[in-house]
N, C-alpha and C. Protein backbone atom coordinates (compact mmCIF):
# COMPACT_ATOMS: atom_id res chain seq x y z
N MET A 1 -68.53 -156.60 -55.71
CA MET A 1 -69.90 -157.44 -55.28
C MET A 1 -70.37 -156.43 -54.66
N LYS A 2 -71.73 -156.49 -54.98
CA LYS A 2 -72.75 -155.41 -53.84
C LYS A 2 -73.63 -156.42 -53.38
N GLN A 3 -74.17 -156.14 -52.00
CA GLN A 3 -74.94 -156.85 -51.22
C GLN A 3 -76.30 -156.09 -50.97
N PRO A 4 -77.42 -156.25 -51.39
CA PRO A 4 -78.46 -155.29 -51.00
C PRO A 4 -78.84 -155.80 -49.65
N ILE A 5 -79.12 -154.74 -48.69
CA ILE A 5 -80.00 -154.24 -47.38
C ILE A 5 -81.19 -154.29 -47.07
N PHE A 6 -82.00 -154.73 -47.05
CA PHE A 6 -83.55 -154.73 -46.98
C PHE A 6 -84.12 -155.17 -46.02
N PRO A 7 -83.91 -154.80 -44.41
CA PRO A 7 -84.67 -155.53 -43.74
C PRO A 7 -86.09 -155.44 -43.41
N PRO A 8 -86.87 -156.48 -43.12
CA PRO A 8 -88.28 -156.57 -43.23
C PRO A 8 -89.07 -155.26 -42.17
N ASP A 9 -88.24 -154.76 -41.26
CA ASP A 9 -88.94 -153.84 -40.13
C ASP A 9 -88.45 -152.18 -40.94
N ALA A 10 -87.90 -152.13 -42.02
CA ALA A 10 -87.29 -150.99 -42.75
C ALA A 10 -88.80 -150.36 -43.22
N ALA A 11 -88.65 -148.84 -43.61
CA ALA A 11 -89.54 -148.45 -44.37
C ALA A 11 -89.19 -148.86 -46.02
N LYS A 12 -90.38 -148.90 -46.62
CA LYS A 12 -90.62 -149.50 -47.88
C LYS A 12 -90.12 -148.31 -48.65
N PRO A 13 -89.15 -148.60 -49.54
CA PRO A 13 -88.91 -147.21 -50.73
C PRO A 13 -89.95 -146.84 -51.28
N LEU A 14 -90.36 -145.66 -51.59
CA LEU A 14 -91.11 -145.11 -52.84
C LEU A 14 -91.06 -145.02 -54.23
N ALA A 15 -89.64 -145.26 -54.44
CA ALA A 15 -89.15 -145.44 -55.34
C ALA A 15 -88.26 -146.82 -56.01
N PRO A 16 -87.86 -147.10 -57.11
CA PRO A 16 -87.10 -148.07 -57.60
C PRO A 16 -85.67 -147.77 -56.88
N TYR A 17 -85.10 -148.47 -55.63
CA TYR A 17 -84.03 -148.31 -54.84
C TYR A 17 -83.80 -149.35 -53.92
N THR A 18 -82.53 -149.38 -53.52
CA THR A 18 -82.41 -150.33 -52.35
C THR A 18 -81.95 -149.36 -51.47
N PRO A 19 -82.66 -150.20 -50.01
CA PRO A 19 -82.50 -148.91 -49.04
C PRO A 19 -80.86 -148.81 -48.45
N ALA A 20 -80.23 -149.79 -48.37
CA ALA A 20 -78.86 -149.89 -48.34
C ALA A 20 -78.03 -150.99 -49.21
N ILE A 21 -76.85 -150.59 -49.63
CA ILE A 21 -76.19 -151.44 -50.20
C ILE A 21 -74.68 -151.77 -49.72
N ALA A 22 -74.35 -153.08 -49.27
CA ALA A 22 -73.00 -153.11 -48.80
C ALA A 22 -71.65 -153.66 -49.77
N SER A 23 -70.93 -153.06 -50.00
CA SER A 23 -70.04 -153.38 -50.97
C SER A 23 -68.34 -153.06 -50.52
N GLY A 24 -67.60 -154.35 -50.46
CA GLY A 24 -66.21 -153.74 -50.26
C GLY A 24 -65.93 -153.14 -48.67
N GLY A 25 -66.72 -153.61 -47.80
CA GLY A 25 -66.37 -152.92 -46.47
C GLY A 25 -66.90 -151.65 -46.15
N MET A 26 -67.97 -151.34 -47.22
CA MET A 26 -68.49 -150.42 -46.87
C MET A 26 -70.22 -150.16 -46.80
N VAL A 27 -70.96 -149.89 -46.21
CA VAL A 27 -72.29 -149.55 -46.54
C VAL A 27 -72.91 -148.34 -46.95
N PHE A 28 -73.56 -148.12 -48.10
CA PHE A 28 -74.06 -147.09 -48.51
C PHE A 28 -75.55 -147.08 -48.32
N LEU A 29 -75.95 -145.89 -47.49
CA LEU A 29 -77.45 -145.46 -47.24
C LEU A 29 -77.84 -144.77 -48.00
N SER A 30 -79.29 -145.26 -48.73
CA SER A 30 -80.00 -144.38 -49.77
C SER A 30 -80.46 -143.30 -48.64
N GLY A 31 -81.04 -142.22 -49.26
CA GLY A 31 -81.85 -141.12 -48.41
C GLY A 31 -82.74 -141.83 -47.83
N GLN A 32 -83.02 -141.36 -46.44
CA GLN A 32 -84.27 -141.77 -45.63
C GLN A 32 -84.93 -140.60 -45.29
N ILE A 33 -86.27 -140.77 -45.11
CA ILE A 33 -87.04 -139.94 -44.82
C ILE A 33 -87.85 -140.47 -43.75
N ALA A 34 -88.89 -139.62 -43.09
CA ALA A 34 -89.78 -140.04 -42.27
C ALA A 34 -90.96 -140.93 -42.44
N LEU A 35 -90.41 -142.09 -43.05
CA LEU A 35 -91.23 -143.07 -43.63
C LEU A 35 -91.33 -144.23 -42.56
N ASP A 36 -92.42 -144.57 -41.93
CA ASP A 36 -92.41 -146.23 -41.10
C ASP A 36 -92.44 -147.43 -42.02
N GLU A 37 -92.43 -148.28 -41.46
CA GLU A 37 -92.74 -149.62 -42.18
C GLU A 37 -93.99 -149.95 -42.55
N ASN A 38 -94.77 -149.17 -41.93
CA ASN A 38 -96.35 -149.43 -42.45
C ASN A 38 -96.63 -148.22 -43.58
N GLY A 39 -96.06 -147.81 -44.12
CA GLY A 39 -95.96 -146.24 -45.05
C GLY A 39 -96.58 -144.98 -44.72
N ASN A 40 -96.29 -145.06 -43.27
CA ASN A 40 -96.89 -143.54 -42.60
C ASN A 40 -95.71 -142.58 -42.54
N LEU A 41 -96.16 -141.22 -42.72
CA LEU A 41 -95.03 -140.25 -42.73
C LEU A 41 -95.36 -139.68 -41.36
N HIS A 42 -94.43 -139.23 -40.90
CA HIS A 42 -94.16 -138.79 -39.18
C HIS A 42 -93.61 -137.47 -39.70
N THR A 43 -94.56 -136.48 -40.02
CA THR A 43 -93.89 -134.99 -40.37
C THR A 43 -94.52 -133.90 -39.39
N SER A 44 -95.17 -134.29 -38.22
CA SER A 44 -95.92 -133.14 -37.31
C SER A 44 -95.25 -132.13 -37.18
N ASP A 45 -93.70 -132.53 -36.89
CA ASP A 45 -92.81 -131.44 -36.22
C ASP A 45 -91.39 -131.82 -36.58
N ILE A 46 -90.71 -131.07 -36.74
CA ILE A 46 -89.14 -131.34 -37.57
C ILE A 46 -88.77 -132.18 -36.55
N THR A 47 -88.55 -132.23 -35.23
CA THR A 47 -87.83 -132.70 -34.16
C THR A 47 -88.59 -134.23 -34.36
N SER A 48 -89.54 -134.84 -34.43
CA SER A 48 -89.96 -135.95 -34.56
C SER A 48 -89.90 -136.49 -35.90
N GLU A 49 -89.95 -135.72 -36.76
CA GLU A 49 -89.44 -135.82 -38.13
C GLU A 49 -87.91 -136.25 -38.46
N THR A 50 -87.21 -135.80 -37.63
CA THR A 50 -85.88 -135.89 -37.68
C THR A 50 -85.47 -137.50 -37.12
N LYS A 51 -86.38 -137.52 -35.87
CA LYS A 51 -85.97 -138.88 -34.91
C LYS A 51 -86.33 -139.69 -35.87
N ARG A 52 -87.28 -139.89 -36.77
CA ARG A 52 -87.78 -141.37 -37.40
C ARG A 52 -86.94 -141.38 -38.29
N VAL A 53 -86.35 -140.31 -39.12
CA VAL A 53 -85.30 -140.67 -40.26
C VAL A 53 -83.80 -141.17 -39.78
N MET A 54 -83.59 -140.43 -38.24
CA MET A 54 -82.52 -141.35 -37.68
C MET A 54 -82.87 -142.80 -37.17
N GLU A 55 -84.05 -143.07 -37.00
CA GLU A 55 -84.37 -144.72 -36.76
C GLU A 55 -84.36 -145.18 -37.74
N ASN A 56 -84.70 -144.59 -38.69
CA ASN A 56 -84.71 -145.38 -40.14
C ASN A 56 -83.24 -145.62 -40.19
N ILE A 57 -82.23 -144.81 -40.17
CA ILE A 57 -80.70 -144.88 -40.32
C ILE A 57 -80.25 -146.25 -39.49
N GLY A 58 -80.87 -146.01 -38.45
CA GLY A 58 -80.44 -147.17 -37.51
C GLY A 58 -80.77 -148.33 -37.59
N ILE A 59 -82.06 -148.60 -38.54
CA ILE A 59 -82.41 -150.01 -38.62
C ILE A 59 -81.55 -150.99 -39.86
N LEU A 60 -81.35 -149.49 -40.57
CA LEU A 60 -80.04 -150.14 -41.98
C LEU A 60 -78.99 -150.57 -41.54
N LEU A 61 -78.46 -149.59 -40.72
CA LEU A 61 -76.98 -150.02 -40.15
C LEU A 61 -77.23 -151.39 -38.98
N LYS A 62 -78.32 -151.52 -38.46
CA LYS A 62 -78.36 -152.61 -37.62
C LYS A 62 -78.37 -153.96 -38.56
N ALA A 63 -79.05 -153.69 -39.39
CA ALA A 63 -79.27 -154.86 -40.17
C ALA A 63 -77.97 -155.28 -41.01
N ALA A 64 -76.78 -154.41 -41.00
CA ALA A 64 -75.67 -154.60 -41.80
C ALA A 64 -74.82 -155.29 -40.43
N GLY A 65 -75.32 -155.01 -39.12
CA GLY A 65 -74.12 -155.44 -38.19
C GLY A 65 -73.63 -154.27 -37.95
N LEU A 66 -74.04 -153.11 -38.30
CA LEU A 66 -73.02 -151.75 -37.68
C LEU A 66 -74.20 -150.79 -36.61
N GLY A 67 -73.45 -149.84 -36.34
CA GLY A 67 -74.40 -148.72 -35.56
C GLY A 67 -73.73 -147.56 -35.94
N TYR A 68 -74.27 -146.59 -35.30
CA TYR A 68 -74.17 -145.09 -35.56
C TYR A 68 -72.59 -144.68 -35.69
N GLU A 69 -71.95 -145.40 -34.91
CA GLU A 69 -70.41 -144.80 -34.74
C GLU A 69 -69.85 -145.72 -35.83
N HIS A 70 -70.18 -146.54 -36.70
CA HIS A 70 -70.22 -146.60 -37.90
C HIS A 70 -69.92 -145.69 -39.40
N LEU A 71 -70.91 -144.84 -39.04
CA LEU A 71 -71.06 -144.05 -40.17
C LEU A 71 -69.80 -142.87 -40.45
N VAL A 72 -69.18 -142.89 -41.69
CA VAL A 72 -67.99 -141.82 -41.97
C VAL A 72 -68.49 -140.73 -42.51
N LYS A 73 -69.64 -140.69 -43.37
CA LYS A 73 -69.98 -139.50 -44.01
C LYS A 73 -71.67 -139.41 -44.00
N VAL A 74 -71.91 -138.21 -44.19
CA VAL A 74 -73.47 -138.04 -44.10
C VAL A 74 -73.89 -136.98 -44.69
N THR A 75 -74.73 -136.91 -45.48
CA THR A 75 -75.66 -135.81 -46.32
C THR A 75 -76.84 -135.68 -45.86
N ILE A 76 -77.36 -134.38 -45.20
CA ILE A 76 -78.67 -134.00 -45.06
C ILE A 76 -79.18 -133.10 -45.92
N PHE A 77 -80.34 -133.45 -46.22
CA PHE A 77 -81.44 -132.36 -47.07
C PHE A 77 -82.22 -131.72 -46.31
N LEU A 78 -82.52 -130.33 -46.32
CA LEU A 78 -83.38 -129.84 -45.55
C LEU A 78 -84.32 -129.08 -46.87
N SER A 79 -85.73 -128.95 -46.34
CA SER A 79 -86.61 -128.32 -47.21
C SER A 79 -86.46 -126.64 -47.13
N ASP A 80 -85.83 -126.56 -45.98
CA ASP A 80 -85.48 -125.14 -45.46
C ASP A 80 -84.62 -125.03 -44.30
N MET A 81 -83.54 -123.85 -44.45
CA MET A 81 -82.24 -123.92 -43.64
C MET A 81 -82.96 -123.61 -42.13
N ALA A 82 -84.07 -122.87 -42.08
CA ALA A 82 -84.53 -122.58 -40.83
C ALA A 82 -84.79 -123.76 -39.94
N HIS A 83 -84.86 -125.40 -40.45
CA HIS A 83 -84.84 -126.43 -39.89
C HIS A 83 -83.48 -126.74 -39.31
N TYR A 84 -82.46 -126.22 -39.83
CA TYR A 84 -80.79 -126.59 -39.54
C TYR A 84 -80.80 -126.73 -37.82
N ALA A 85 -80.95 -125.77 -37.20
CA ALA A 85 -80.68 -125.83 -35.36
C ALA A 85 -81.56 -127.24 -35.04
N ALA A 86 -82.86 -127.28 -35.52
CA ALA A 86 -83.33 -128.09 -34.80
C ALA A 86 -83.20 -129.83 -35.06
N VAL A 87 -82.53 -129.90 -36.30
CA VAL A 87 -82.37 -131.10 -37.14
C VAL A 87 -81.10 -131.66 -36.21
N ASN A 88 -79.99 -130.76 -36.15
CA ASN A 88 -78.64 -130.25 -35.59
C ASN A 88 -79.19 -131.01 -34.06
N GLU A 89 -79.91 -130.36 -33.60
CA GLU A 89 -80.29 -130.85 -31.85
C GLU A 89 -80.50 -132.04 -31.81
N VAL A 90 -81.14 -132.69 -32.70
CA VAL A 90 -81.76 -134.10 -32.54
C VAL A 90 -80.52 -135.14 -33.29
N TYR A 91 -79.94 -134.73 -34.04
CA TYR A 91 -79.08 -135.39 -35.05
C TYR A 91 -78.04 -135.83 -33.52
N GLY A 92 -77.44 -134.84 -33.26
CA GLY A 92 -76.17 -134.54 -32.38
C GLY A 92 -76.52 -135.76 -31.44
N THR A 93 -77.84 -136.28 -30.95
CA THR A 93 -77.85 -137.26 -29.84
C THR A 93 -77.65 -138.42 -30.24
N TYR A 94 -77.18 -138.86 -31.39
CA TYR A 94 -77.04 -140.10 -32.14
C TYR A 94 -75.44 -140.28 -31.98
N PHE A 95 -74.50 -139.47 -31.92
CA PHE A 95 -73.61 -139.84 -31.74
C PHE A 95 -72.75 -139.24 -30.55
N SER A 96 -71.96 -140.38 -29.50
CA SER A 96 -71.72 -140.00 -28.49
C SER A 96 -70.08 -139.60 -28.51
N GLU A 97 -69.40 -139.87 -29.86
CA GLU A 97 -68.15 -139.84 -29.89
C GLU A 97 -67.96 -138.71 -31.00
N VAL A 98 -66.97 -139.37 -32.15
CA VAL A 98 -66.74 -138.64 -33.15
C VAL A 98 -67.87 -138.74 -34.19
N PRO A 99 -68.48 -137.53 -34.42
CA PRO A 99 -69.35 -137.72 -35.50
C PRO A 99 -68.85 -137.67 -36.78
N PRO A 100 -69.90 -138.44 -37.83
CA PRO A 100 -69.17 -138.32 -39.39
C PRO A 100 -68.96 -137.19 -39.87
N ALA A 101 -68.17 -136.99 -41.13
CA ALA A 101 -68.28 -135.94 -42.01
C ALA A 101 -69.44 -135.81 -42.48
N ARG A 102 -69.62 -134.44 -42.99
CA ARG A 102 -71.21 -134.11 -43.38
C ARG A 102 -71.38 -132.74 -43.91
N GLU A 103 -72.38 -132.75 -44.54
CA GLU A 103 -72.70 -131.56 -45.01
C GLU A 103 -74.36 -131.24 -45.08
N ALA A 104 -74.91 -130.33 -44.89
CA ALA A 104 -76.23 -129.84 -44.76
C ALA A 104 -76.64 -128.84 -45.93
N VAL A 105 -77.65 -129.17 -46.70
CA VAL A 105 -78.09 -128.20 -47.73
C VAL A 105 -79.45 -128.03 -48.01
N ALA A 106 -79.93 -127.18 -48.16
CA ALA A 106 -81.34 -126.60 -48.42
C ALA A 106 -81.63 -126.99 -50.19
N VAL A 107 -82.73 -127.47 -50.18
CA VAL A 107 -82.95 -127.87 -51.68
C VAL A 107 -84.60 -127.65 -51.99
N LYS A 108 -84.79 -127.50 -53.27
CA LYS A 108 -86.13 -126.71 -53.56
C LYS A 108 -87.20 -127.87 -53.05
N GLY A 109 -87.16 -128.97 -52.92
CA GLY A 109 -88.23 -130.05 -52.72
C GLY A 109 -87.63 -131.30 -52.45
N LEU A 110 -88.28 -132.05 -51.65
CA LEU A 110 -87.72 -133.43 -50.99
C LEU A 110 -89.16 -134.44 -51.31
N PRO A 111 -88.70 -135.88 -51.67
CA PRO A 111 -89.71 -136.72 -51.71
C PRO A 111 -91.24 -136.75 -50.65
N ALA A 112 -92.22 -136.65 -51.11
CA ALA A 112 -93.26 -136.87 -50.32
C ALA A 112 -93.72 -135.36 -49.39
N GLY A 113 -92.98 -134.44 -49.65
CA GLY A 113 -93.04 -133.31 -49.39
C GLY A 113 -92.55 -133.57 -47.98
N VAL A 114 -91.86 -133.98 -47.51
CA VAL A 114 -91.14 -134.16 -46.09
C VAL A 114 -90.16 -132.81 -46.16
N ASN A 115 -89.43 -132.74 -44.79
CA ASN A 115 -88.79 -131.71 -44.44
C ASN A 115 -87.20 -131.52 -44.34
N VAL A 116 -86.71 -133.13 -44.19
CA VAL A 116 -85.55 -133.73 -43.83
C VAL A 116 -85.31 -135.08 -44.59
N GLU A 117 -84.06 -134.90 -45.13
CA GLU A 117 -83.46 -136.36 -45.75
C GLU A 117 -82.20 -136.50 -45.47
N ILE A 118 -81.78 -137.73 -45.23
CA ILE A 118 -80.58 -138.05 -44.53
C ILE A 118 -79.90 -139.46 -45.35
N SER A 119 -78.79 -139.19 -45.98
CA SER A 119 -78.02 -140.34 -46.51
C SER A 119 -76.62 -140.57 -45.86
N GLY A 120 -75.93 -141.57 -45.95
CA GLY A 120 -74.99 -141.85 -45.66
C GLY A 120 -73.88 -142.69 -45.88
N ILE A 121 -72.86 -143.02 -45.48
CA ILE A 121 -71.71 -144.20 -45.94
C ILE A 121 -71.56 -144.67 -44.66
N ALA A 122 -71.15 -145.80 -44.08
CA ALA A 122 -70.77 -146.50 -43.06
C ALA A 122 -69.38 -147.34 -43.59
N MET A 123 -68.53 -147.62 -42.84
CA MET A 123 -67.51 -148.21 -42.69
C MET A 123 -67.64 -149.36 -42.06
N ARG A 124 -67.26 -150.79 -42.42
CA ARG A 124 -67.21 -152.29 -41.14
C ARG A 124 -65.87 -151.74 -40.49
């Protein structure tokens, strides 16, 4: 059985998907971009863009009764590997202990022309 997680303060999806799904003690987070709950993109620079993406992930985790420490696997999609160091700097501040397993890959394009998208899996 799967339970949708769609908090009212979360960014509204740009396509037909659920922001997060809880199933069997796991929470699957759809790729998050720097979109806020009002539909505004925050892409002025890669640092603020990454912060907004991580805040969106935090909103979904909180709605599931979890925190960043519950993330076990993350995938980071970048528009350009030149953003790798800046994204890592911001991303690392969200984990005080053991960060989740992850990969970071550059892709040809991302939704709405953003520079970073992050998806994840969390465990209860």
